[in-house]
Amino acid sequence: MKPNKNLGVLCLAAWLVLTGLVTIIDLSFSGLGTIMAVLAIAAGKDNYDVEANQTMAKNLKGRLLLAHGMLDDNVPPYNTLLVVEELIKANKDFDLIVFPSQRHGYGSQAYYMMRRR
């Protein structure tokens, strides 16, 4: 019988939930992200495939406003540019605001962002 590589990953997911390191009840951002990553690995994908917004760009309906701080060291600006590229390929309309001096958030330019929404 051939060993199943994914069995270990599924056991890890179960262990994370049973030990309380990841809670499914409150679906906290980090907990949900961990569960998605573990289940994606078990399915033979990485968590970037599951959470990649650019793969869903073609499904856009309605209006979209993207905003990104160029000094963001949490989510690199090129992640937003990947979405932009796919939106253009799919001939979708969208707006993009770039905050040159902001990190992960609007900071001192929050009022501007609120006005644009």
N, C-alpha and C. Protein backbone atom coordinates (compact mmCIF):
# COMPACT_ATOMS: atom_id res chain seq x y z
N MET A 1 0.84 -1.19 0.00
CA MET A 1 0.00 0.00 0.00
C MET A 1 0.88 1.25 0.00
N LYS A 2 0.57 2.18 -0.87
CA LYS A 2 1.34 3.41 -1.01
C LYS A 2 0.96 4.40 0.10
N PRO A 3 1.94 5.00 0.80
CA PRO A 3 1.62 5.96 1.87
C PRO A 3 1.00 7.23 1.30
N ASN A 4 0.08 7.79 2.05
CA ASN A 4 -0.61 9.01 1.66
C ASN A 4 0.10 10.21 2.29
N LYS A 5 0.70 11.07 1.45
CA LYS A 5 1.42 12.25 1.96
C LYS A 5 0.48 13.23 2.65
N ASN A 6 -0.74 13.29 2.19
CA ASN A 6 -1.68 14.28 2.71
C ASN A 6 -2.24 13.90 4.08
N LEU A 7 -2.11 12.64 4.46
CA LEU A 7 -2.63 12.21 5.74
C LEU A 7 -1.97 12.96 6.90
N GLY A 8 -0.66 13.16 6.81
CA GLY A 8 0.06 13.91 7.84
C GLY A 8 -0.42 15.35 7.94
N VAL A 9 -0.71 15.96 6.81
CA VAL A 9 -1.18 17.35 6.80
C VAL A 9 -2.57 17.43 7.41
N LEU A 10 -3.43 16.47 7.09
CA LEU A 10 -4.77 16.47 7.68
C LEU A 10 -4.71 16.23 9.18
N CYS A 11 -3.79 15.38 9.62
CA CYS A 11 -3.59 15.17 11.05
C CYS A 11 -3.12 16.45 11.73
N LEU A 12 -2.25 17.19 11.06
CA LEU A 12 -1.79 18.47 11.60
C LEU A 12 -2.96 19.43 11.74
N ALA A 13 -3.83 19.50 10.74
CA ALA A 13 -4.99 20.39 10.81
C ALA A 13 -5.87 20.01 11.99
N ALA A 14 -6.12 18.72 12.15
CA ALA A 14 -6.94 18.26 13.28
C ALA A 14 -6.27 18.59 14.60
N TRP A 15 -4.98 18.40 14.69
CA TRP A 15 -4.24 18.70 15.92
C TRP A 15 -4.32 20.18 16.25
N LEU A 16 -4.18 21.06 15.25
CA LEU A 16 -4.25 22.50 15.48
C LEU A 16 -5.60 22.88 16.07
N VAL A 17 -6.66 22.27 15.57
CA VAL A 17 -8.01 22.57 16.06
C VAL A 17 -8.21 21.98 17.46
N LEU A 18 -7.83 20.73 17.64
CA LEU A 18 -8.06 20.05 18.92
C LEU A 18 -7.25 20.65 20.07
N THR A 19 -6.08 21.16 19.79
CA THR A 19 -5.26 21.75 20.85
C THR A 19 -5.67 23.18 21.16
N GLY A 20 -6.54 23.73 20.34
CA GLY A 20 -6.97 25.10 20.57
C GLY A 20 -6.05 26.14 19.99
N LEU A 21 -5.00 25.72 19.28
CA LEU A 21 -4.11 26.70 18.65
C LEU A 21 -4.82 27.44 17.52
N VAL A 22 -5.77 26.76 16.90
CA VAL A 22 -6.60 27.38 15.87
C VAL A 22 -8.04 27.10 16.24
N THR A 23 -8.84 28.15 16.34
CA THR A 23 -10.25 27.97 16.67
C THR A 23 -11.09 28.16 15.42
N ILE A 24 -12.01 27.27 15.22
CA ILE A 24 -12.90 27.39 14.06
C ILE A 24 -14.13 28.22 14.45
N ILE A 25 -14.45 28.26 15.73
CA ILE A 25 -15.67 28.93 16.17
C ILE A 25 -15.63 30.42 15.86
N ASP A 26 -14.54 31.10 16.23
CA ASP A 26 -14.51 32.54 16.01
C ASP A 26 -13.95 32.91 14.64
N LEU A 27 -13.38 31.96 13.92
CA LEU A 27 -12.82 32.20 12.60
C LEU A 27 -11.95 33.45 12.57
N SER A 28 -11.06 33.53 13.54
CA SER A 28 -10.14 34.65 13.56
C SER A 28 -9.31 34.64 12.29
N PHE A 29 -8.80 35.80 11.92
CA PHE A 29 -8.04 35.92 10.67
C PHE A 29 -6.89 34.94 10.61
N SER A 30 -6.10 34.87 11.70
CA SER A 30 -4.95 33.99 11.69
C SER A 30 -5.38 32.53 11.74
N GLY A 31 -6.42 32.24 12.48
CA GLY A 31 -6.91 30.87 12.56
C GLY A 31 -7.47 30.39 11.24
N LEU A 32 -8.28 31.22 10.61
CA LEU A 32 -8.85 30.86 9.31
C LEU A 32 -7.75 30.70 8.27
N GLY A 33 -6.79 31.61 8.30
CA GLY A 33 -5.68 31.52 7.35
C GLY A 33 -4.88 30.25 7.53
N THR A 34 -4.67 29.87 8.78
CA THR A 34 -3.92 28.63 9.07
C THR A 34 -4.69 27.42 8.57
N ILE A 35 -5.97 27.37 8.85
CA ILE A 35 -6.79 26.24 8.40
C ILE A 35 -6.80 26.18 6.88
N MET A 36 -6.98 27.32 6.22
CA MET A 36 -6.99 27.33 4.75
C MET A 36 -5.66 26.84 4.20
N ALA A 37 -4.57 27.27 4.81
CA ALA A 37 -3.25 26.88 4.34
C ALA A 37 -3.04 25.38 4.50
N VAL A 38 -3.42 24.85 5.65
CA VAL A 38 -3.23 23.41 5.90
C VAL A 38 -4.09 22.58 4.97
N LEU A 39 -5.35 22.98 4.78
CA LEU A 39 -6.22 22.23 3.89
C LEU A 39 -5.78 22.35 2.43
N ALA A 40 -5.24 23.50 2.06
CA ALA A 40 -4.73 23.67 0.70
C ALA A 40 -3.53 22.76 0.45
N ILE A 41 -2.65 22.66 1.43
CA ILE A 41 -1.50 21.77 1.30
C ILE A 41 -1.98 20.33 1.16
N ALA A 42 -2.99 19.96 1.94
CA ALA A 42 -3.53 18.60 1.85
C ALA A 42 -4.12 18.33 0.48
N ALA A 43 -4.65 19.37 -0.16
CA ALA A 43 -5.23 19.21 -1.49
C ALA A 43 -4.18 19.30 -2.59
N GLY A 44 -2.93 19.51 -2.22
CA GLY A 44 -1.87 19.59 -3.21
C GLY A 44 -1.61 20.97 -3.76
N LYS A 45 -2.13 21.99 -3.09
CA LYS A 45 -1.91 23.38 -3.49
C LYS A 45 -1.21 24.09 -2.34
N ASP A 46 -0.69 25.28 -2.62
CA ASP A 46 -0.19 26.08 -1.51
C ASP A 46 -1.24 27.12 -1.15
N ASN A 47 -1.07 27.76 -0.01
CA ASN A 47 -2.09 28.71 0.44
C ASN A 47 -2.18 29.94 -0.45
N TYR A 48 -1.16 30.22 -1.23
CA TYR A 48 -1.23 31.36 -2.14
C TYR A 48 -2.23 31.11 -3.26
N ASP A 49 -2.35 29.87 -3.71
CA ASP A 49 -3.33 29.55 -4.74
C ASP A 49 -4.74 29.80 -4.24
N VAL A 50 -5.00 29.41 -3.00
CA VAL A 50 -6.34 29.53 -2.43
C VAL A 50 -6.72 30.99 -2.21
N GLU A 51 -5.76 31.81 -1.79
CA GLU A 51 -6.05 33.19 -1.40
C GLU A 51 -5.67 34.22 -2.46
N ALA A 52 -5.33 33.80 -3.65
CA ALA A 52 -4.86 34.72 -4.69
C ALA A 52 -6.03 35.47 -5.32
N ASN A 53 -6.13 36.76 -5.03
CA ASN A 53 -7.23 37.56 -5.56
C ASN A 53 -7.19 37.70 -7.08
N GLN A 54 -6.00 37.66 -7.67
CA GLN A 54 -5.90 37.84 -9.11
C GLN A 54 -6.61 36.72 -9.87
N THR A 55 -6.77 35.55 -9.27
CA THR A 55 -7.46 34.46 -9.96
C THR A 55 -8.97 34.68 -10.02
N MET A 56 -9.48 35.61 -9.21
CA MET A 56 -10.91 35.90 -9.19
C MET A 56 -11.26 37.20 -9.90
N ALA A 57 -10.29 37.88 -10.44
CA ALA A 57 -10.52 39.20 -11.05
C ALA A 57 -11.55 39.15 -12.17
N LYS A 58 -11.55 38.09 -12.93
CA LYS A 58 -12.47 37.98 -14.06
C LYS A 58 -13.93 37.90 -13.62
N ASN A 59 -14.18 37.57 -12.36
CA ASN A 59 -15.54 37.44 -11.84
C ASN A 59 -16.11 38.74 -11.29
N LEU A 60 -15.37 39.81 -11.37
CA LEU A 60 -15.81 41.09 -10.79
C LEU A 60 -17.11 41.56 -11.41
N LYS A 61 -18.02 41.95 -10.52
CA LYS A 61 -19.27 42.58 -10.93
C LYS A 61 -19.43 43.81 -10.07
N GLY A 62 -19.77 44.92 -10.67
CA GLY A 62 -19.93 46.15 -9.90
C GLY A 62 -18.65 46.96 -9.86
N ARG A 63 -18.56 47.82 -8.86
CA ARG A 63 -17.44 48.75 -8.76
C ARG A 63 -16.37 48.21 -7.82
N LEU A 64 -15.12 48.57 -8.10
CA LEU A 64 -14.01 48.15 -7.26
C LEU A 64 -13.05 49.30 -7.09
N LEU A 65 -12.68 49.56 -5.85
CA LEU A 65 -11.67 50.55 -5.52
C LEU A 65 -10.53 49.83 -4.81
N LEU A 66 -9.37 49.82 -5.43
CA LEU A 66 -8.18 49.24 -4.82
C LEU A 66 -7.34 50.36 -4.23
N ALA A 67 -6.75 50.12 -3.08
CA ALA A 67 -5.86 51.10 -2.45
C ALA A 67 -4.69 50.34 -1.86
N HIS A 68 -3.49 50.92 -2.01
CA HIS A 68 -2.32 50.24 -1.46
C HIS A 68 -1.26 51.27 -1.06
N GLY A 69 -0.67 51.04 0.10
CA GLY A 69 0.44 51.85 0.56
C GLY A 69 1.74 51.32 -0.03
N MET A 70 2.50 52.16 -0.65
CA MET A 70 3.72 51.71 -1.34
C MET A 70 4.83 51.32 -0.39
N LEU A 71 4.74 51.69 0.88
CA LEU A 71 5.74 51.30 1.87
C LEU A 71 5.28 50.09 2.69
N ASP A 72 4.21 49.45 2.25
CA ASP A 72 3.65 48.30 2.96
C ASP A 72 4.66 47.16 2.98
N ASP A 73 5.06 46.74 4.18
CA ASP A 73 5.97 45.61 4.28
C ASP A 73 5.24 44.35 4.75
N ASN A 74 3.92 44.44 4.86
CA ASN A 74 3.10 43.28 5.21
C ASN A 74 2.58 42.60 3.94
N VAL A 75 1.99 43.38 3.06
CA VAL A 75 1.52 42.91 1.75
C VAL A 75 2.26 43.73 0.71
N PRO A 76 3.18 43.12 -0.02
CA PRO A 76 3.95 43.89 -1.01
C PRO A 76 3.05 44.50 -2.07
N PRO A 77 3.36 45.71 -2.51
CA PRO A 77 2.54 46.37 -3.53
C PRO A 77 2.35 45.56 -4.81
N TYR A 78 3.31 44.72 -5.15
CA TYR A 78 3.15 43.95 -6.38
C TYR A 78 1.96 42.98 -6.30
N ASN A 79 1.50 42.63 -5.09
CA ASN A 79 0.32 41.78 -4.98
C ASN A 79 -0.91 42.49 -5.54
N THR A 80 -1.03 43.78 -5.27
CA THR A 80 -2.13 44.55 -5.83
C THR A 80 -1.96 44.70 -7.34
N LEU A 81 -0.73 44.86 -7.77
CA LEU A 81 -0.48 45.00 -9.21
C LEU A 81 -0.80 43.72 -9.97
N LEU A 82 -0.67 42.57 -9.34
CA LEU A 82 -1.10 41.32 -9.97
C LEU A 82 -2.60 41.33 -10.23
N VAL A 83 -3.36 41.85 -9.26
CA VAL A 83 -4.81 41.96 -9.42
C VAL A 83 -5.13 42.96 -10.53
N VAL A 84 -4.44 44.09 -10.53
CA VAL A 84 -4.65 45.11 -11.56
C VAL A 84 -4.42 44.52 -12.96
N GLU A 85 -3.34 43.78 -13.10
CA GLU A 85 -3.03 43.17 -14.40
C GLU A 85 -4.15 42.24 -14.88
N GLU A 86 -4.68 41.44 -13.96
CA GLU A 86 -5.76 40.51 -14.34
C GLU A 86 -7.07 41.24 -14.61
N LEU A 87 -7.33 42.32 -13.88
CA LEU A 87 -8.53 43.12 -14.16
C LEU A 87 -8.46 43.73 -15.56
N ILE A 88 -7.30 44.20 -15.93
CA ILE A 88 -7.13 44.78 -17.27
C ILE A 88 -7.30 43.70 -18.34
N LYS A 89 -6.70 42.54 -18.12
CA LYS A 89 -6.85 41.43 -19.07
C LYS A 89 -8.31 41.04 -19.24
N ALA A 90 -9.09 41.11 -18.13
CA ALA A 90 -10.50 40.74 -18.17
C ALA A 90 -11.39 41.90 -18.60
N ASN A 91 -10.79 43.03 -18.95
CA ASN A 91 -11.52 44.23 -19.40
C ASN A 91 -12.51 44.72 -18.35
N LYS A 92 -12.09 44.72 -17.09
CA LYS A 92 -12.93 45.18 -15.99
C LYS A 92 -12.55 46.61 -15.61
N ASP A 93 -13.55 47.38 -15.23
CA ASP A 93 -13.31 48.75 -14.76
C ASP A 93 -13.02 48.73 -13.26
N PHE A 94 -12.09 49.57 -12.83
CA PHE A 94 -11.74 49.67 -11.42
C PHE A 94 -11.03 50.99 -11.20
N ASP A 95 -10.93 51.38 -9.94
CA ASP A 95 -10.16 52.56 -9.55
C ASP A 95 -9.01 52.08 -8.65
N LEU A 96 -7.89 52.79 -8.73
CA LEU A 96 -6.72 52.44 -7.93
C LEU A 96 -6.16 53.70 -7.28
N ILE A 97 -5.99 53.64 -5.98
CA ILE A 97 -5.35 54.73 -5.25
C ILE A 97 -4.04 54.19 -4.68
N VAL A 98 -2.97 54.90 -4.94
CA VAL A 98 -1.66 54.54 -4.40
C VAL A 98 -1.27 55.60 -3.39
N PHE A 99 -0.92 55.14 -2.19
CA PHE A 99 -0.46 56.04 -1.13
C PHE A 99 1.06 55.90 -1.02
N PRO A 100 1.81 56.83 -1.60
CA PRO A 100 3.27 56.70 -1.68
C PRO A 100 3.98 56.61 -0.32
N SER A 101 3.46 57.29 0.70
CA SER A 101 4.19 57.34 1.98
C SER A 101 3.51 56.53 3.08
N GLN A 102 2.63 55.59 2.71
CA GLN A 102 1.91 54.83 3.73
C GLN A 102 2.33 53.37 3.71
N ARG A 103 2.19 52.78 4.87
CA ARG A 103 2.47 51.35 5.02
C ARG A 103 1.17 50.57 4.88
N HIS A 104 0.89 49.65 5.79
CA HIS A 104 -0.30 48.81 5.73
C HIS A 104 -1.46 49.54 6.41
N GLY A 105 -2.11 50.41 5.69
CA GLY A 105 -3.19 51.23 6.22
C GLY A 105 -3.09 52.62 5.61
N TYR A 106 -4.06 53.46 5.93
CA TYR A 106 -4.12 54.79 5.30
C TYR A 106 -3.37 55.84 6.10
N GLY A 107 -3.16 55.59 7.39
CA GLY A 107 -2.42 56.53 8.22
C GLY A 107 -2.98 57.93 8.16
N SER A 108 -2.14 58.88 7.87
CA SER A 108 -2.55 60.29 7.84
C SER A 108 -3.45 60.61 6.66
N GLN A 109 -3.63 59.68 5.75
CA GLN A 109 -4.46 59.93 4.57
C GLN A 109 -5.81 59.21 4.65
N ALA A 110 -6.21 58.84 5.87
CA ALA A 110 -7.47 58.13 6.06
C ALA A 110 -8.66 58.97 5.62
N TYR A 111 -8.63 60.28 5.88
CA TYR A 111 -9.75 61.14 5.48
C TYR A 111 -9.90 61.13 3.95
N TYR A 112 -8.81 61.18 3.24
CA TYR A 112 -8.86 61.14 1.77
C TYR A 112 -9.51 59.83 1.30
N MET A 113 -9.11 58.74 1.91
CA MET A 113 -9.67 57.44 1.51
C MET A 113 -11.16 57.37 1.81
N MET A 114 -11.58 57.85 2.97
CA MET A 114 -12.99 57.85 3.32
C MET A 114 -13.80 58.69 2.34
N ARG A 115 -13.23 59.81 1.91
CA ARG A 115 -13.91 60.68 0.95
C ARG A 115 -14.06 59.99 -0.40
N ARG A 116 -13.08 59.18 -0.79
CA ARG A 116 -13.10 58.51 -2.09
C ARG A 116 -14.04 57.31 -2.14
N ARG A 117 -14.32 56.73 -0.96
CA ARG A 117 -15.20 55.56 -0.95
C ARG A 117 -16.56 55.99 -1.30
